Amino acid sequence: MPTAAKLVASILLAISGVIVVTVAVNIYPDIARRSVGLTSAAVLAGIFVGWRGLGKKITEDEGTGIMSGLKAGISMFVWVIFLYALEDMIGGIKDNAYYQPMNALLVIPASMIKYGQMALNVPIMGTMVVLAGIVGKMTKSADKRWV
């Protein structure tokens, strides 16, 4: 059932995903050519995690919502990295880079580790943490206001 918390969480997480991708593109200009796919992955993950995760769980949160927002931000981060690694695997399949199906599947965790290490710097993580906390707080406020 749609609620205000689900709507607010999904919209705000999608917007925060776009902002974090913009920060990442400014730090790593070599990924700018793939920023459309990364932005799409961030928006899809934000909508999914906001609707199914944060928006549903925020009613059970006894606190201010910041910790729930941080959990949703981490979940979104993992989903975006997974989708981006999946895109790498599909690109390799199109280029006939793999001889066996297992080699193609093993590219996903390796790419996730590589992209996770790239994201471990202060501007990207700081932006992600601050925005996730704000999204959690605003979702909790929307849940209290529009029941």
N, C-alpha and C. Protein backbone atom coordinates (compact mmCIF):
# COMPACT_ATOMS: atom_id res chain seq x y z
N MET A 1 0.84 -1.18 0.00
CA MET A 1 0.00 0.00 0.00
C MET A 1 0.88 1.25 0.00
N PRO A 2 0.62 2.18 -0.88
CA PRO A 2 1.44 3.39 -0.93
C PRO A 2 1.22 4.28 0.29
N THR A 3 2.31 4.75 0.82
CA THR A 3 2.26 5.71 1.92
C THR A 3 3.13 6.89 1.58
N ALA A 4 2.99 7.94 2.37
CA ALA A 4 3.81 9.14 2.15
C ALA A 4 5.28 8.85 2.41
N ALA A 5 5.55 8.00 3.39
CA ALA A 5 6.94 7.68 3.71
C ALA A 5 7.61 6.95 2.55
N LYS A 6 6.90 6.03 1.92
CA LYS A 6 7.46 5.30 0.79
C LYS A 6 7.74 6.25 -0.38
N LEU A 7 6.80 7.15 -0.64
CA LEU A 7 6.96 8.09 -1.74
C LEU A 7 8.13 9.04 -1.49
N VAL A 8 8.18 9.60 -0.30
CA VAL A 8 9.27 10.54 0.04
C VAL A 8 10.61 9.82 0.01
N ALA A 9 10.68 8.63 0.58
CA ALA A 9 11.94 7.90 0.61
C ALA A 9 12.42 7.55 -0.79
N SER A 10 11.53 7.09 -1.65
CA SER A 10 11.96 6.70 -2.99
C SER A 10 12.41 7.90 -3.81
N ILE A 11 11.69 9.00 -3.72
CA ILE A 11 12.08 10.20 -4.49
C ILE A 11 13.38 10.77 -3.97
N LEU A 12 13.52 10.89 -2.66
CA LEU A 12 14.73 11.50 -2.10
C LEU A 12 15.96 10.61 -2.28
N LEU A 13 15.80 9.29 -2.18
CA LEU A 13 16.94 8.41 -2.42
C LEU A 13 17.36 8.44 -3.89
N ALA A 14 16.41 8.55 -4.79
CA ALA A 14 16.76 8.67 -6.21
C ALA A 14 17.52 9.97 -6.47
N ILE A 15 17.07 11.06 -5.88
CA ILE A 15 17.76 12.34 -6.04
C ILE A 15 19.15 12.29 -5.42
N SER A 16 19.27 11.68 -4.24
CA SER A 16 20.58 11.60 -3.61
C SER A 16 21.52 10.70 -4.41
N GLY A 17 20.98 9.69 -5.07
CA GLY A 17 21.80 8.85 -5.94
C GLY A 17 22.37 9.64 -7.10
N VAL A 18 21.56 10.51 -7.70
CA VAL A 18 22.04 11.35 -8.79
C VAL A 18 23.13 12.30 -8.29
N ILE A 19 22.95 12.85 -7.11
CA ILE A 19 23.96 13.76 -6.55
C ILE A 19 25.28 13.04 -6.30
N VAL A 20 25.21 11.85 -5.74
CA VAL A 20 26.43 11.09 -5.46
C VAL A 20 27.13 10.69 -6.77
N VAL A 21 26.37 10.34 -7.79
CA VAL A 21 26.98 10.01 -9.09
C VAL A 21 27.66 11.25 -9.67
N THR A 22 27.05 12.41 -9.51
CA THR A 22 27.67 13.65 -9.99
C THR A 22 28.99 13.92 -9.27
N VAL A 23 29.02 13.69 -7.97
CA VAL A 23 30.27 13.85 -7.22
C VAL A 23 31.31 12.85 -7.70
N ALA A 24 30.90 11.61 -7.93
CA ALA A 24 31.84 10.57 -8.39
C ALA A 24 32.39 10.91 -9.78
N VAL A 25 31.56 11.44 -10.65
CA VAL A 25 32.02 11.80 -11.99
C VAL A 25 33.00 12.98 -11.92
N ASN A 26 32.76 13.90 -10.99
CA ASN A 26 33.70 15.01 -10.83
C ASN A 26 35.04 14.56 -10.27
N ILE A 27 35.04 13.50 -9.46
CA ILE A 27 36.30 13.00 -8.90
C ILE A 27 37.02 12.11 -9.90
N TYR A 28 36.27 11.24 -10.58
CA TYR A 28 36.84 10.34 -11.58
C TYR A 28 36.31 10.72 -12.96
N PRO A 29 36.96 11.62 -13.66
CA PRO A 29 36.44 12.04 -14.96
C PRO A 29 36.43 10.93 -16.01
N ASP A 30 37.23 9.87 -15.80
CA ASP A 30 37.26 8.79 -16.78
C ASP A 30 35.98 7.96 -16.78
N ILE A 31 35.16 8.05 -15.73
CA ILE A 31 33.89 7.31 -15.73
C ILE A 31 32.76 8.17 -16.27
N ALA A 32 33.06 9.38 -16.74
CA ALA A 32 32.01 10.27 -17.24
C ALA A 32 31.32 9.69 -18.46
N ARG A 33 32.05 8.90 -19.26
CA ARG A 33 31.43 8.33 -20.45
C ARG A 33 30.39 7.28 -20.09
N ARG A 34 30.46 6.73 -18.89
CA ARG A 34 29.50 5.73 -18.45
C ARG A 34 28.55 6.29 -17.40
N SER A 35 28.52 7.61 -17.26
CA SER A 35 27.73 8.19 -16.17
C SER A 35 26.23 8.04 -16.39
N VAL A 36 25.79 7.90 -17.64
CA VAL A 36 24.36 7.72 -17.89
C VAL A 36 23.89 6.39 -17.30
N GLY A 37 24.66 5.34 -17.51
CA GLY A 37 24.31 4.04 -16.93
C GLY A 37 24.39 4.05 -15.41
N LEU A 38 25.39 4.74 -14.88
CA LEU A 38 25.54 4.81 -13.43
C LEU A 38 24.42 5.64 -12.81
N THR A 39 24.04 6.71 -13.47
CA THR A 39 22.93 7.52 -12.98
C THR A 39 21.62 6.73 -13.02
N SER A 40 21.41 5.99 -14.09
CA SER A 40 20.20 5.16 -14.19
C SER A 40 20.17 4.10 -13.09
N ALA A 41 21.31 3.49 -12.84
CA ALA A 41 21.38 2.48 -11.78
C ALA A 41 21.11 3.11 -10.42
N ALA A 42 21.64 4.30 -10.19
CA ALA A 42 21.42 4.98 -8.91
C ALA A 42 19.96 5.36 -8.72
N VAL A 43 19.31 5.83 -9.78
CA VAL A 43 17.90 6.20 -9.69
C VAL A 43 17.04 4.96 -9.45
N LEU A 44 17.29 3.89 -10.20
CA LEU A 44 16.52 2.66 -10.00
C LEU A 44 16.71 2.09 -8.61
N ALA A 45 17.96 2.06 -8.15
CA ALA A 45 18.22 1.54 -6.80
C ALA A 45 17.59 2.44 -5.74
N GLY A 46 17.63 3.75 -5.95
CA GLY A 46 17.02 4.67 -5.00
C GLY A 46 15.52 4.48 -4.89
N ILE A 47 14.87 4.33 -6.03
CA ILE A 47 13.42 4.11 -6.02
C ILE A 47 13.09 2.78 -5.35
N PHE A 48 13.83 1.73 -5.70
CA PHE A 48 13.56 0.40 -5.15
C PHE A 48 13.83 0.36 -3.64
N VAL A 49 15.01 0.83 -3.23
CA VAL A 49 15.36 0.77 -1.81
C VAL A 49 14.48 1.72 -1.00
N GLY A 50 14.14 2.86 -1.57
CA GLY A 50 13.27 3.80 -0.86
C GLY A 50 11.88 3.25 -0.65
N TRP A 51 11.32 2.61 -1.68
CA TRP A 51 9.95 2.11 -1.58
C TRP A 51 9.88 0.83 -0.76
N ARG A 52 10.75 -0.12 -1.06
CA ARG A 52 10.67 -1.42 -0.41
C ARG A 52 11.43 -1.49 0.92
N GLY A 53 12.41 -0.63 1.09
CA GLY A 53 13.23 -0.71 2.29
C GLY A 53 12.92 0.38 3.30
N LEU A 54 13.40 1.57 3.01
CA LEU A 54 13.30 2.67 3.98
C LEU A 54 11.85 3.07 4.23
N GLY A 55 11.06 3.21 3.21
CA GLY A 55 9.68 3.63 3.39
C GLY A 55 8.84 2.66 4.19
N LYS A 56 9.16 1.39 4.08
CA LYS A 56 8.42 0.36 4.82
C LYS A 56 8.91 0.25 6.26
N LYS A 57 10.22 0.39 6.47
CA LYS A 57 10.81 0.16 7.80
C LYS A 57 10.76 1.40 8.69
N ILE A 58 10.50 2.58 8.13
CA ILE A 58 10.60 3.80 8.92
C ILE A 58 9.52 3.88 9.99
N THR A 59 8.40 3.21 9.79
CA THR A 59 7.34 3.24 10.79
C THR A 59 7.74 2.49 12.05
N GLU A 60 8.64 1.52 11.92
CA GLU A 60 9.10 0.74 13.07
C GLU A 60 10.26 1.41 13.79
N ASP A 61 10.84 2.45 13.19
CA ASP A 61 12.00 3.13 13.77
C ASP A 61 11.54 4.00 14.94
N GLU A 62 12.17 3.80 16.08
CA GLU A 62 11.82 4.56 17.28
C GLU A 62 12.59 5.88 17.37
N GLY A 63 13.69 5.98 16.66
CA GLY A 63 14.54 7.16 16.76
C GLY A 63 14.14 8.24 15.78
N THR A 64 15.15 9.01 15.35
CA THR A 64 14.90 10.14 14.47
C THR A 64 14.86 9.74 13.01
N GLY A 65 15.27 8.55 12.68
CA GLY A 65 15.26 8.09 11.30
C GLY A 65 16.61 8.15 10.63
N ILE A 66 17.59 8.73 11.29
CA ILE A 66 18.91 8.88 10.67
C ILE A 66 19.57 7.52 10.46
N MET A 67 19.48 6.64 11.44
CA MET A 67 20.10 5.32 11.29
C MET A 67 19.40 4.49 10.21
N SER A 68 18.10 4.62 10.11
CA SER A 68 17.39 3.92 9.04
C SER A 68 17.81 4.47 7.68
N GLY A 69 18.01 5.77 7.60
CA GLY A 69 18.50 6.37 6.37
C GLY A 69 19.89 5.90 6.01
N LEU A 70 20.76 5.75 7.01
CA LEU A 70 22.11 5.26 6.75
C LEU A 70 22.09 3.81 6.28
N LYS A 71 21.22 3.00 6.87
CA LYS A 71 21.08 1.61 6.42
C LYS A 71 20.59 1.56 4.97
N ALA A 72 19.64 2.42 4.64
CA ALA A 72 19.13 2.46 3.27
C ALA A 72 20.21 2.97 2.32
N GLY A 73 21.03 3.91 2.76
CA GLY A 73 22.12 4.41 1.93
C GLY A 73 23.15 3.34 1.64
N ILE A 74 23.47 2.53 2.64
CA ILE A 74 24.41 1.44 2.43
C ILE A 74 23.83 0.39 1.49
N SER A 75 22.56 0.08 1.69
CA SER A 75 21.89 -0.88 0.81
C SER A 75 21.86 -0.38 -0.63
N MET A 76 21.58 0.90 -0.80
CA MET A 76 21.56 1.48 -2.14
C MET A 76 22.94 1.46 -2.77
N PHE A 77 23.97 1.74 -1.97
CA PHE A 77 25.35 1.71 -2.45
C PHE A 77 25.72 0.33 -2.98
N VAL A 78 25.35 -0.71 -2.24
CA VAL A 78 25.65 -2.08 -2.66
C VAL A 78 24.89 -2.42 -3.94
N TRP A 79 23.63 -2.02 -4.02
CA TRP A 79 22.84 -2.30 -5.23
C TRP A 79 23.40 -1.58 -6.45
N VAL A 80 23.81 -0.32 -6.28
CA VAL A 80 24.36 0.43 -7.42
C VAL A 80 25.66 -0.21 -7.89
N ILE A 81 26.51 -0.60 -6.96
CA ILE A 81 27.77 -1.24 -7.35
C ILE A 81 27.49 -2.59 -8.03
N PHE A 82 26.49 -3.33 -7.53
CA PHE A 82 26.13 -4.59 -8.17
C PHE A 82 25.63 -4.37 -9.59
N LEU A 83 24.74 -3.40 -9.79
CA LEU A 83 24.21 -3.14 -11.12
C LEU A 83 25.30 -2.67 -12.08
N TYR A 84 26.23 -1.88 -11.58
CA TYR A 84 27.32 -1.41 -12.43
C TYR A 84 28.26 -2.56 -12.79
N ALA A 85 28.51 -3.47 -11.84
CA ALA A 85 29.34 -4.64 -12.13
C ALA A 85 28.61 -5.58 -13.10
N LEU A 86 27.30 -5.68 -12.98
CA LEU A 86 26.52 -6.48 -13.91
C LEU A 86 26.61 -5.91 -15.32
N GLU A 87 26.61 -4.58 -15.40
CA GLU A 87 26.78 -3.94 -16.71
C GLU A 87 28.16 -4.25 -17.30
N ASP A 88 29.19 -4.29 -16.46
CA ASP A 88 30.52 -4.70 -16.93
C ASP A 88 30.51 -6.12 -17.48
N MET A 89 29.83 -7.01 -16.76
CA MET A 89 29.78 -8.40 -17.21
C MET A 89 29.04 -8.51 -18.54
N ILE A 90 27.94 -7.81 -18.68
CA ILE A 90 27.18 -7.87 -19.93
C ILE A 90 28.00 -7.29 -21.08
N GLY A 91 28.73 -6.22 -20.82
CA GLY A 91 29.62 -5.67 -21.85
C GLY A 91 30.69 -6.65 -22.27
N GLY A 92 31.24 -7.40 -21.31
CA GLY A 92 32.23 -8.42 -21.63
C GLY A 92 31.64 -9.57 -22.42
N ILE A 93 30.39 -9.92 -22.12
CA ILE A 93 29.73 -10.98 -22.88
C ILE A 93 29.51 -10.53 -24.32
N LYS A 94 29.13 -9.29 -24.51
CA LYS A 94 28.93 -8.78 -25.87
C LYS A 94 30.23 -8.74 -26.66
N ASP A 95 31.35 -8.55 -25.96
CA ASP A 95 32.66 -8.52 -26.63
C ASP A 95 33.31 -9.89 -26.72
N ASN A 96 32.61 -10.94 -26.31
CA ASN A 96 33.13 -12.32 -26.30
C ASN A 96 34.43 -12.42 -25.51
N ALA A 97 34.45 -11.81 -24.33
CA ALA A 97 35.66 -11.80 -23.51
C ALA A 97 35.78 -13.03 -22.61
N TYR A 98 34.73 -13.81 -22.49
CA TYR A 98 34.74 -14.95 -21.58
C TYR A 98 34.60 -16.25 -22.36
N TYR A 99 35.34 -17.26 -21.89
CA TYR A 99 35.28 -18.57 -22.52
C TYR A 99 34.28 -19.49 -21.85
N GLN A 100 34.02 -19.24 -20.59
CA GLN A 100 33.09 -20.08 -19.83
C GLN A 100 32.11 -19.18 -19.08
N PRO A 101 30.93 -19.68 -18.79
CA PRO A 101 29.95 -18.87 -18.05
C PRO A 101 30.42 -18.49 -16.64
N MET A 102 31.18 -19.38 -16.01
CA MET A 102 31.64 -19.09 -14.65
C MET A 102 32.61 -17.92 -14.64
N ASN A 103 33.41 -17.78 -15.68
CA ASN A 103 34.32 -16.64 -15.77
C ASN A 103 33.53 -15.34 -15.83
N ALA A 104 32.42 -15.36 -16.54
CA ALA A 104 31.59 -14.16 -16.63
C ALA A 104 30.97 -13.83 -15.27
N LEU A 105 30.53 -14.85 -14.54
CA LEU A 105 29.92 -14.61 -13.24
C LEU A 105 30.94 -14.12 -12.21
N LEU A 106 32.18 -14.56 -12.32
CA LEU A 106 33.20 -14.14 -11.37
C LEU A 106 33.65 -12.70 -11.59
N VAL A 107 33.27 -12.12 -12.70
CA VAL A 107 33.60 -10.72 -12.96
C VAL A 107 32.78 -9.81 -12.04
N ILE A 108 31.58 -10.23 -11.68
CA ILE A 108 30.72 -9.38 -10.86
C ILE A 108 31.33 -9.06 -9.50
N PRO A 109 31.75 -10.06 -8.69
CA PRO A 109 32.35 -9.68 -7.40
C PRO A 109 33.66 -8.92 -7.55
N ALA A 110 34.45 -9.27 -8.57
CA ALA A 110 35.70 -8.55 -8.78
C ALA A 110 35.44 -7.09 -9.13
N SER A 111 34.45 -6.85 -9.97
CA SER A 111 34.11 -5.47 -10.32
C SER A 111 33.50 -4.73 -9.14
N MET A 112 32.72 -5.42 -8.33
CA MET A 112 32.14 -4.77 -7.15
C MET A 112 33.24 -4.33 -6.19
N ILE A 113 34.26 -5.15 -6.02
CA ILE A 113 35.37 -4.78 -5.15
C ILE A 113 36.12 -3.59 -5.73
N LYS A 114 36.34 -3.61 -7.03
CA LYS A 114 37.06 -2.51 -7.68
C LYS A 114 36.29 -1.19 -7.55
N TYR A 115 34.99 -1.21 -7.81
CA TYR A 115 34.20 0.01 -7.71
C TYR A 115 34.01 0.45 -6.26
N GLY A 116 33.94 -0.51 -5.35
CA GLY A 116 33.86 -0.17 -3.93
C GLY A 116 35.12 0.53 -3.44
N GLN A 117 36.28 0.07 -3.91
CA GLN A 117 37.53 0.74 -3.55
C GLN A 117 37.62 2.13 -4.15
N MET A 118 37.09 2.28 -5.35
CA MET A 118 37.09 3.61 -5.97
C MET A 118 36.21 4.58 -5.19
N ALA A 119 35.13 4.08 -4.61
CA ALA A 119 34.19 4.94 -3.89
C ALA A 119 34.64 5.25 -2.47
N LEU A 120 35.69 4.59 -2.00
CA LEU A 120 36.15 4.82 -0.63
C LEU A 120 37.06 6.04 -0.56
N ASN A 121 36.51 7.18 -0.82
CA ASN A 121 37.23 8.42 -0.55
C ASN A 121 36.27 9.40 0.12
N VAL A 122 36.82 10.43 0.71
CA VAL A 122 36.05 11.30 1.60
C VAL A 122 34.90 12.03 0.88
N PRO A 123 35.11 12.63 -0.28
CA PRO A 123 33.97 13.35 -0.87
C PRO A 123 32.79 12.45 -1.23
N ILE A 124 33.05 11.29 -1.78
CA ILE A 124 31.95 10.40 -2.17
C ILE A 124 31.26 9.83 -0.95
N MET A 125 32.02 9.29 -0.02
CA MET A 125 31.42 8.69 1.18
C MET A 125 30.77 9.75 2.06
N GLY A 126 31.41 10.90 2.17
CA GLY A 126 30.82 11.97 2.98
C GLY A 126 29.48 12.44 2.42
N THR A 127 29.44 12.62 1.11
CA THR A 127 28.18 13.02 0.47
C THR A 127 27.12 11.95 0.67
N MET A 128 27.53 10.69 0.53
CA MET A 128 26.58 9.59 0.67
C MET A 128 26.03 9.51 2.09
N VAL A 129 26.88 9.64 3.08
CA VAL A 129 26.45 9.52 4.47
C VAL A 129 25.55 10.69 4.86
N VAL A 130 25.94 11.90 4.49
CA VAL A 130 25.14 13.07 4.85
C VAL A 130 23.77 13.01 4.17
N LEU A 131 23.75 12.70 2.89
CA LEU A 131 22.47 12.63 2.19
C LEU A 131 21.58 11.51 2.72
N ALA A 132 22.17 10.37 3.06
CA ALA A 132 21.38 9.26 3.60
C ALA A 132 20.76 9.63 4.95
N GLY A 133 21.52 10.33 5.78
CA GLY A 133 20.98 10.79 7.06
C GLY A 133 19.84 11.79 6.87
N ILE A 134 20.01 12.70 5.93
CA ILE A 134 18.96 13.69 5.65
C ILE A 134 17.70 13.00 5.10
N VAL A 135 17.90 12.04 4.21
CA VAL A 135 16.76 11.30 3.65
C VAL A 135 16.02 10.54 4.76
N GLY A 136 16.76 9.92 5.66
CA GLY A 136 16.12 9.21 6.77
C GLY A 136 15.33 10.14 7.67
N LYS A 137 15.90 11.29 7.97
CA LYS A 137 15.22 12.27 8.82
C LYS A 137 13.96 12.81 8.14
N MET A 138 14.05 13.12 6.85
CA MET A 138 12.89 13.64 6.14
C MET A 138 11.80 12.58 5.95
N THR A 139 12.21 11.33 5.77
CA THR A 139 11.23 10.26 5.64
C THR A 139 10.50 10.04 6.96
N LYS A 140 11.23 10.10 8.05
CA LYS A 140 10.60 9.97 9.37
C LYS A 140 9.63 11.12 9.62
N SER A 141 10.01 12.30 9.20
CA SER A 141 9.13 13.45 9.35
C SER A 141 7.87 13.29 8.50
N ALA A 142 8.01 12.81 7.28
CA ALA A 142 6.86 12.58 6.42
C ALA A 142 5.95 11.49 6.99
N ASP A 143 6.56 10.47 7.59
CA ASP A 143 5.77 9.40 8.18
C ASP A 143 4.96 9.90 9.37
N LYS A 144 5.55 10.79 10.17
CA LYS A 144 4.82 11.33 11.31
C LYS A 144 3.74 12.30 10.87
N ARG A 145 4.04 13.10 9.86
CA ARG A 145 3.11 14.14 9.44
C ARG A 145 1.92 13.59 8.67
N TRP A 146 2.18 12.72 7.69
CA TRP A 146 1.11 12.21 6.84
C TRP A 146 0.92 10.72 7.10
N VAL A 147 0.16 10.41 8.08
CA VAL A 147 -0.07 9.01 8.45
C VAL A 147 -1.11 8.38 7.61
